[in-house]
Structures are given as structure tokens and as C-alpha cells.
Protein backbone atom coordinates (compact mmCIF):
# COMPACT_ATOMS: atom_id res chain seq x y z
CA MET A 1 0.04 -0.09 0.01
CA THR A 2 1.29 3.40 -0.94
CA SER A 3 1.83 5.75 1.94
CA VAL A 4 1.31 9.43 2.76
CA SER A 5 3.10 11.76 5.14
CA VAL A 6 1.14 14.67 6.46
CA VAL A 7 3.06 17.55 7.91
CA ILE A 8 1.03 19.91 10.15
CA PRO A 9 2.95 23.02 11.30
CA CYS A 10 1.43 24.81 14.20
CA TYR A 11 1.90 28.25 15.83
CA ASN A 12 -0.74 29.33 18.47
CA TYR A 13 -3.29 27.00 16.72
CA GLY A 14 -3.63 24.67 19.61
CA HIS A 15 -7.34 25.03 19.77
CA PHE A 16 -7.64 23.84 16.06
CA LEU A 17 -5.00 21.04 16.22
CA ALA A 18 -7.26 18.15 17.23
CA ASP A 19 -9.73 18.63 14.46
CA ALA A 20 -6.91 18.83 11.87
CA VAL A 21 -5.35 15.64 12.93
CA ALA A 22 -8.54 13.75 13.26
CA SER A 23 -9.39 14.60 9.67
CA VAL A 24 -6.26 12.86 8.69
CA LEU A 25 -6.33 9.84 11.06
CA ASP A 26 -10.13 9.16 11.05
CA ASP A 27 -11.47 10.02 7.66
CA GLN A 28 -8.84 8.58 5.24
CA GLY A 29 -9.67 4.95 5.09
CA GLY A 30 -7.47 2.71 2.99
CA VAL A 31 -4.35 4.82 3.18
CA ASP A 32 -1.17 4.21 5.29
CA VAL A 33 -0.75 7.68 6.81
CA GLY A 34 1.73 9.18 9.18
CA VAL A 35 1.51 12.61 10.76
CA LEU A 36 4.15 15.01 12.01
CA ILE A 37 3.03 18.00 14.08
CA ILE A 38 5.80 20.74 14.38
CA ASP A 39 4.96 23.29 16.97
CA ASP A 40 7.04 26.44 16.33
CA ALA A 41 7.49 27.64 19.82
CA SER A 42 3.84 28.56 20.33
CA THR A 43 2.80 30.79 23.31
CA ASP A 44 -0.42 28.99 23.81
CA ASP A 45 -0.95 25.40 24.77
CA SER A 46 -0.08 24.03 21.23
CA ALA A 47 2.92 22.06 22.42
CA GLU A 48 0.86 20.35 25.10
CA VAL A 49 -2.02 19.43 22.80
CA ALA A 50 0.56 18.21 20.12
CA ALA A 51 2.38 15.97 22.66
CA MET A 52 -0.96 14.61 23.98
CA ILE A 53 -2.17 13.71 20.44
CA ALA A 54 1.13 11.97 19.69
CA ALA A 55 0.92 9.99 22.97
CA ARG A 56 -2.36 8.66 21.94
CA ASP A 57 -1.68 7.35 18.43
CA ARG A 58 1.54 5.77 17.20
CA ARG A 59 1.00 7.28 13.71
CA VAL A 60 1.71 10.75 15.12
CA ARG A 61 4.94 12.33 16.00
CA ALA A 62 5.25 15.76 17.63
CA VAL A 63 8.31 17.96 17.38
CA ILE A 64 8.51 21.04 19.65
CA HIS A 65 10.77 23.99 18.69
CA PRO A 66 12.51 25.60 21.78
CA ALA A 67 12.67 28.87 19.65
CA ASN A 68 10.54 30.19 16.72
CA ILE A 69 12.22 29.71 13.45
CA GLY A 70 9.37 30.99 11.21
CA HIS A 71 6.83 29.16 9.02
CA VAL A 72 9.08 28.67 5.89
CA ALA A 73 11.82 26.87 7.85
CA THR A 74 9.21 24.79 9.71
CA PHE A 75 7.60 23.80 6.38
CA ASN A 76 10.89 22.68 4.89
CA GLU A 77 11.94 20.84 8.14
CA GLY A 78 8.70 18.63 7.82
CA LEU A 79 8.75 18.13 4.13
CA LEU A 80 12.38 17.68 3.44
CA GLU A 81 13.69 16.18 6.60
CA TRP A 82 10.93 14.13 7.87
CA ALA A 83 8.49 13.13 5.21
CA ASP A 84 9.59 9.72 3.81
CA ALA A 85 6.27 8.24 2.48
CA ASP A 86 5.46 7.89 -1.29
CA TYR A 87 3.49 11.01 -1.04
CA CYS A 88 3.20 14.10 1.21
CA VAL A 89 0.85 16.86 2.27
CA LEU A 90 1.49 20.15 4.01
CA MET A 91 -1.54 21.17 5.96
CA SER A 92 -1.92 24.14 8.33
CA ALA A 93 -3.23 23.39 11.82
CA ASP A 94 -6.32 25.37 11.21
CA ASP A 95 -7.42 23.52 8.19
CA ARG A 96 -8.89 19.95 7.54
CA LEU A 97 -8.98 17.32 4.97
CA THR A 98 -12.37 16.14 3.55
CA PRO A 99 -13.11 12.39 3.97
CA GLY A 100 -11.33 10.21 1.42
CA ALA A 101 -9.27 13.00 0.18
CA LEU A 102 -5.88 11.04 0.44
CA ARG A 103 -7.32 8.00 -1.20
CA ARG A 104 -8.58 9.93 -4.16
CA ALA A 105 -5.30 11.74 -4.64
CA ARG A 106 -3.23 8.56 -4.19
CA ASP A 107 -5.23 6.64 -6.77
CA LEU A 108 -4.49 9.35 -9.25
CA LEU A 109 -0.75 9.46 -8.40
CA ASP A 110 -0.51 5.67 -8.46
CA ALA A 111 -2.07 5.61 -11.95
CA TYR A 112 0.09 8.36 -13.43
CA PRO A 113 3.79 7.98 -12.31
CA GLY A 114 4.57 11.22 -14.28
CA VAL A 115 2.19 13.44 -12.14
CA GLY A 116 4.22 15.32 -9.62
CA PHE A 117 1.26 16.64 -7.59
CA VAL A 118 -2.65 16.37 -7.40
CA TYR A 119 -5.10 19.00 -6.22
CA GLY A 120 -8.84 19.60 -6.05
CA HIS A 121 -11.41 22.06 -4.88
CA PRO A 122 -11.14 23.52 -1.30
CA LEU A 123 -14.16 24.35 0.75
CA TYR A 124 -13.93 27.65 2.74
CA PHE A 125 -15.72 27.93 5.98
CA ARG A 126 -15.73 30.49 8.80
CA ASP A 127 -14.47 29.51 12.19
CA GLY A 128 -17.33 28.64 14.40
CA ALA A 129 -19.78 27.82 11.56
CA ALA A 130 -20.83 24.30 10.65
CA LEU A 131 -18.72 22.54 8.10
CA PRO A 132 -20.25 22.66 4.63
CA ARG A 133 -21.10 19.16 3.24
CA PRO A 134 -18.29 17.98 1.04
CA ARG A 135 -18.53 16.34 -2.40
CA THR A 136 -16.84 13.03 -2.16
CA SER A 137 -17.85 11.25 -5.42
CA GLY A 138 -16.11 12.88 -8.23
CA ARG A 139 -16.39 12.97 -11.94
CA GLY A 140 -12.99 11.53 -12.70
CA TRP A 141 -9.75 13.38 -12.97
CA SER A 142 -7.65 15.46 -15.51
CA VAL A 143 -4.03 15.11 -16.07
CA TRP A 144 -2.31 18.21 -17.64
CA PRO A 145 1.16 18.56 -19.10
CA GLY A 146 3.26 20.51 -16.48
CA HIS A 147 4.28 23.30 -18.93
CA TRP A 148 0.68 23.86 -20.05
CA TRP A 149 -0.52 24.22 -16.65
CA LEU A 150 2.40 26.51 -15.71
CA GLU A 151 1.59 28.87 -18.64
CA ARG A 152 -1.95 29.26 -17.36
CA ARG A 153 -0.50 30.43 -13.90
CA PHE A 154 1.73 32.98 -15.72
CA ARG A 155 -1.15 34.15 -17.88
CA GLU A 156 -3.41 34.69 -14.87
CA ALA A 157 -0.65 35.68 -12.35
CA GLN A 158 -2.73 34.15 -9.55
CA ASN A 159 -2.19 31.12 -7.18
CA CYS A 160 -5.26 28.86 -7.88
CA ILE A 161 -4.34 26.55 -4.88
CA THR A 162 -4.77 27.36 -1.18
CA ALA A 163 -2.53 24.52 0.01
CA PRO A 164 -4.33 21.77 2.06
CA GLU A 165 -5.91 20.26 -1.08
CA VAL A 166 -2.45 19.36 -2.64
CA VAL A 167 -0.87 15.86 -2.48
CA MET A 168 2.74 15.88 -3.69
CA ARG A 169 5.11 13.10 -4.94
CA THR A 170 7.73 13.07 -2.20
CA SER A 171 10.64 11.98 -4.29
CA LEU A 172 9.99 14.92 -6.76
CA LEU A 173 9.66 17.33 -3.93
CA LYS A 174 12.90 16.36 -2.44
CA ARG A 175 14.55 16.65 -5.91
CA VAL A 176 13.33 20.26 -6.64
CA GLY A 177 13.66 21.58 -3.20
CA GLY A 178 11.41 23.11 -0.53
CA PHE A 179 9.94 26.58 0.06
CA ASP A 180 11.92 29.63 -0.78
CA PRO A 181 12.51 31.93 2.22
CA ARG A 182 12.43 34.94 -0.10
CA LEU A 183 8.64 34.24 -0.58
CA PRO A 184 6.96 34.17 2.86
CA HIS A 185 3.63 34.75 1.36
CA ALA A 186 3.78 33.23 -2.21
CA GLY A 187 6.21 30.38 -1.50
CA ASP A 188 3.46 27.71 -2.05
CA MET A 189 2.58 29.42 -5.52
CA GLU A 190 6.27 29.17 -6.56
CA MET A 191 6.40 25.58 -5.24
CA TRP A 192 3.45 24.43 -7.32
CA MET A 193 4.93 26.00 -10.41
CA ARG A 194 8.32 24.46 -9.74
CA LEU A 195 6.89 20.97 -9.57
CA ALA A 196 4.87 21.64 -12.67
CA ALA A 197 8.09 22.59 -14.52
CA HIS A 198 9.49 19.09 -13.80
CA SER A 199 6.20 17.01 -14.01
CA ASP A 200 2.61 16.64 -15.11
CA VAL A 201 -0.24 17.98 -12.96
CA GLY A 202 -3.36 16.13 -11.81
CA TYR A 203 -6.68 17.53 -10.87
CA LEU A 204 -9.66 15.73 -9.25
CA ARG A 205 -12.81 16.89 -10.80
CA GLY A 206 -16.20 17.39 -9.00
CA VAL A 207 -14.90 16.76 -5.38
CA ASP A 208 -13.83 18.76 -2.44
CA GLN A 209 -10.45 17.83 -1.10
CA ALA A 210 -9.96 20.06 1.92
CA TYR A 211 -11.55 22.68 4.15
CA TYR A 212 -9.88 26.05 4.52
CA ARG A 213 -10.80 27.90 7.73
CA ILE A 214 -11.46 31.52 7.74
CA HIS A 215 -10.65 33.41 10.95
CA SER A 216 -9.24 36.54 12.30
CA GLN A 217 -5.65 35.12 12.50
CA ASN A 218 -5.36 33.86 8.92
CA MET A 219 -1.75 34.63 7.81
CA ARG A 220 -3.01 36.19 4.44
CA LYS A 221 -4.79 39.02 6.25
CA SER A 222 -1.44 40.60 7.24
CA TYR A 223 -0.70 41.36 3.57
CA THR A 224 -2.00 44.44 1.72
CA PRO A 225 -3.21 43.93 -1.93
CA LEU A 226 0.10 45.63 -3.16
CA MET A 227 2.25 43.58 -1.01
CA GLU A 228 0.37 40.45 -2.32
CA MET A 229 0.99 41.60 -5.95
CA ARG A 230 4.70 41.97 -5.26
CA GLN A 231 4.91 38.46 -3.76
CA ARG A 232 3.17 36.98 -6.88
CA ARG A 233 5.55 38.70 -9.13
CA LEU A 234 8.58 37.54 -7.17
CA ALA A 235 7.23 33.97 -7.16
CA CYS A 236 6.99 33.99 -10.97
CA GLU A 237 10.31 35.65 -11.41
CA THR A 238 11.99 33.23 -8.84
CA LEU A 239 10.42 30.28 -10.89
CA LEU A 240 12.00 31.63 -14.11
CA GLU A 241 15.29 32.18 -12.39
CA ARG A 242 15.38 28.52 -11.17
CA CYS A 243 13.73 26.73 -13.92
CA GLY A 244 14.15 28.84 -17.03
CA GLU A 245 16.43 26.48 -18.87
CA GLN A 246 13.71 23.74 -18.63
CA LEU A 247 10.95 25.95 -20.07
CA PRO A 248 10.39 26.36 -23.86
CA ASP A 249 9.99 30.07 -23.88
CA PRO A 250 10.73 31.82 -20.48
CA GLY A 251 10.83 35.23 -22.08
CA ARG A 252 7.21 34.98 -23.26
CA LEU A 253 6.09 33.70 -19.78
CA ALA A 254 7.83 36.80 -18.16
CA ASP A 255 5.87 39.04 -20.58
CA LEU A 256 2.64 37.45 -19.78
CA VAL A 257 2.97 37.71 -16.04
CA HIS A 258 4.25 41.22 -15.96
CA ARG A 259 1.61 42.56 -18.32
CA LYS A 260 -1.14 40.86 -16.34
CA LEU A 261 0.20 42.24 -13.12
CA ALA A 262 0.47 45.84 -14.62
CA ARG A 263 -3.10 45.53 -15.71
CA GLU A 264 -4.17 44.50 -12.24
CA ALA A 265 -2.22 47.30 -10.60
CA LEU A 266 -3.77 49.99 -12.90
CA TRP A 267 -7.23 48.82 -12.12
CA SER A 268 -6.39 48.90 -8.38
CA ALA A 269 -4.98 52.39 -8.86
CA ALA A 270 -8.22 53.64 -10.52
CA ARG A 271 -10.22 52.32 -7.65
CA ALA A 272 -7.90 53.81 -5.07
CA HIS A 273 -8.05 57.26 -6.88
CA ALA A 274 -11.87 57.27 -7.11
CA ARG A 275 -12.25 56.30 -3.51
CA ALA A 276 -9.70 58.91 -2.27
CA HIS A 277 -11.67 61.69 -4.22
CA ALA A 278 -14.99 60.47 -2.81
CA ARG A 279 -13.59 60.62 0.81
CA GLY A 280 -12.05 64.08 0.03
CA ASP A 281 -8.66 62.75 0.64
CA ALA A 282 -5.87 65.25 -0.62
CA GLY A 283 -3.06 62.46 -1.02
CA GLN A 284 -3.08 59.82 -3.70
CA SER A 285 -0.20 57.79 -2.36
CA ALA A 286 -2.01 54.49 -2.65
CA ALA A 287 -2.87 55.04 -6.33
CA ALA A 288 0.66 56.37 -7.03
CA GLU A 289 2.27 53.15 -5.60
CA TYR A 290 0.01 50.94 -7.83
CA VAL A 291 0.92 53.00 -10.86
CA ALA A 292 4.66 52.79 -10.01
CA PHE A 293 4.42 49.01 -9.64
CA ALA A 294 2.58 48.72 -13.01
CA PHE A 295 5.25 50.63 -14.85
CA ASP A 296 8.02 48.74 -13.06
CA CYS A 297 6.23 45.45 -14.20
CA TRP A 298 5.53 46.59 -17.72
CA PRO A 299 7.26 49.70 -18.96
CA GLU A 300 4.73 50.10 -21.76
CA ALA A 301 1.86 50.29 -19.15
CA GLY A 302 0.88 53.67 -20.52
CA SER A 303 -0.42 52.02 -23.62
CA LEU A 304 -2.85 49.69 -21.72
CA PRO A 305 -6.54 50.53 -21.70
CA GLU A 306 -6.56 50.35 -18.00
CA TYR A 307 -4.19 53.35 -17.90
CA GLN A 308 -6.48 55.36 -20.10
CA ALA A 309 -9.36 54.69 -17.65
CA LEU A 310 -7.04 55.85 -14.85
CA ARG A 311 -6.20 59.06 -16.77
CA TRP A 312 -9.90 59.66 -17.20
CA CYS A 313 -10.49 59.32 -13.50
CA ARG A 314 -7.80 61.86 -12.88
CA ASP A 315 -8.95 64.40 -15.43
CA ILE A 316 -12.55 64.67 -14.52
CA SER A 317 -13.58 67.27 -11.82
CA PRO A 318 -13.44 66.01 -8.28
CA ARG A 319 -16.92 67.55 -7.86
CA ILE A 320 -18.45 64.77 -9.98
CA ILE A 321 -16.40 62.02 -8.73
CA PRO A 322 -19.04 60.88 -6.22
CA TYR A 323 -21.44 60.48 -9.17
CA VAL A 324 -19.29 58.53 -11.48
CA GLN A 325 -17.43 56.60 -9.00
CA PRO A 326 -20.07 53.82 -8.73
CA PHE A 327 -19.80 53.29 -12.55
CA VAL A 328 -15.88 53.12 -12.33
CA LEU A 329 -15.85 50.75 -9.49
CA SER A 330 -18.63 48.59 -10.83
CA ALA A 331 -16.93 48.23 -14.04
CA ALA A 332 -13.64 47.33 -12.31
CA ALA A 333 -15.55 44.79 -10.16
CA ARG A 334 -17.17 43.18 -13.19
CA LYS A 335 -13.85 42.83 -14.83
CA ALA A 336 -12.24 41.46 -11.64
CA LYS A 337 -15.04 38.95 -11.38
CA TRP A 338 -14.85 37.92 -14.85
CA TRP A 339 -10.99 37.18 -14.63
CA ALA A 340 -11.58 35.35 -11.29
CA ARG A 341 -14.14 33.08 -12.74
CA ARG A 342 -11.93 32.50 -15.92
CA SER A 343 -8.94 31.65 -13.63
CA TRP A 344 -10.84 29.09 -11.73
CA ARG A 345 -12.21 27.49 -14.91
CA LEU A 346 -8.69 27.22 -16.27
CA ALA A 347 -7.42 25.81 -13.10
CA TRP A 348 -10.05 23.16 -12.48
CA TYR A 349 -11.14 21.89 -15.91
């Protein structure tokens, strides 16, 4: 029987830990599974909870850090130094797997040795709310050439994966290396793309593979939209730096992602400008930062239609901004929604 190593890093998530581990041990029938909990010097009772869980089940091991080393180093410790099963999963202590998730991913990886990782649809839920009912009977799977999948990520400049829904081939992960410390927020995005540069990608259709918990301490909430854009850009540039020689046309991929990020930044600048005028703000620092980022990404950003829309917003009288702002923002929102839907379709089907 093929085996799966599940790494669960934890920092001050002791109150979530039991649910996370139970979703791995109790709901994954037919899979030989091992769990490593790594507590990164939490200040709550996480270490005690981890030790208690490990004492109750021989499939669980707990490692307690005497000092905090950060999430990237903790991830790499678990994945590169401990994981020794055929396949591996990195799951935050505040998330959960859906019933049968590991078996479904294992079956695809067993059937296609050229697939480096498998993912599926995540279910989002708010902390304290009832878990949504997951879909556990799928419509089969898709296997995509890694370079084809990788181009879609550059074209959309988005990370289509949250993380707990991914099962990786351990041997490939150890060959390509772990998370990059230069990418504290987008290291997972670069990791999936790096795996795709060396392998095919599998997707489980019509099933829910993991639960992603939304709560006040989610790490992503500490990043502004512009910080997040910068991290996505760095993730793509890091991937090209590392794997450019293995890709057929790295220059074209760079152009795709830089142009897309420039367009996204200009839309954000237009929204920031309209909102600042509506509030009567004298400064336009947020809009100016977005514009500077756009031109740094794509020096020809001034020729993009999004820049013309921004200039229109700047040129009209501040007195009528409150009247036209809803149209500007709604147009931007419609465009963003269209791109989001298109990104998900490309990612999943």
C-alpha cells in the first residue's frame, strides 16, 4: 500500500489542532498515513496538545521547537527532513482534509507516475460555523502537461491553490527543493509552479479535497493587496530564475505575467483614486504606488486601456467623482469577477 506523510505546522493554533489531525487519522480509510506535528515555539497550549495527540496514536509524532524559526523553515523541516512516504501533504493546523481526500489523490498518483502533484477544490468555511457538506464522489480526473498548466499560472498571475488540497510526490519534492525563504507569502505558488516545471499536474474533478478555515488570525490578512501583488511577481520571477532552462519560452512567460500584473495594478490604482476623491483625501499615495508598480512590471503600461481609464478618472472634476465613482468601481468589479471566474475554470477543468 502506498503511503502518505502529512506535515502539520502549528503556531498558536492549539485549539484547532485536534480537528486537523482527526481529519487525517479518522477520515482517510485505505491509506497508510503518518502525521508530523511541528510546534514552532507557540505561546499558547499548542505544544501540550501536540504531545497529547502523539501519545495517543503511534501514527503521530510531535516536534516542539524551543525557539521560533518561522513558517518557511518549519515547512521545509517537515517536508524535506521528515516526510518519507510515497506522497506528502502540508496542511496548516487550522485546516482539515475532507473524507477520502488522500485515497482519491493517491489513486491518481498511483495511476500516473509522471504526475508530480494532485489537487482539487477546497471548501472555505468560517470559524465557528458548521462545516459545509463536501462532495466526495467525483467526476474523474484530469492530467495536464506541466508546462501547459504552468503557462496558465503565468497568464493569470494568480495562485489557484490554497494548499491543504494538494498531495505531492515526495521523491519529486525532495529533488526540486522546498519553500523559498524569499517568498513568505507566495512560497506555495512558486512551489506548485516549480513542481509543474518538472512533471505533469493532476486535478480531481467534482470533489472537495480540503477545508480552509477563515478566521481573524489567517496569515494572508497581514498582507495588503499591493504586497500580495509583489509576492506573486517575485514568485514567478523566482521560478523563471530557477527553472528557465527547462521551459520552452521563458521570455514569453515573463511578458505574460508582467503585463497581467501591470493591468491588475492599474485597475487597483483607478479604484484607489476614485475612493480617495470620494472621501475628500488630498493624498493619492495608494494610487501612485500601484501605478509605479505597474510601470515597473511593464514599462509600456501607458499604452494599456486600464491606464487610459485611470487618466480619465484623474482628469474629471473632483466635484463629479461621487456621481461617476459607482460606475468606475462597478466596471472594475465586473472585470475582476470575470477574470476570477476564468482563472478558476482554467485551473479546475
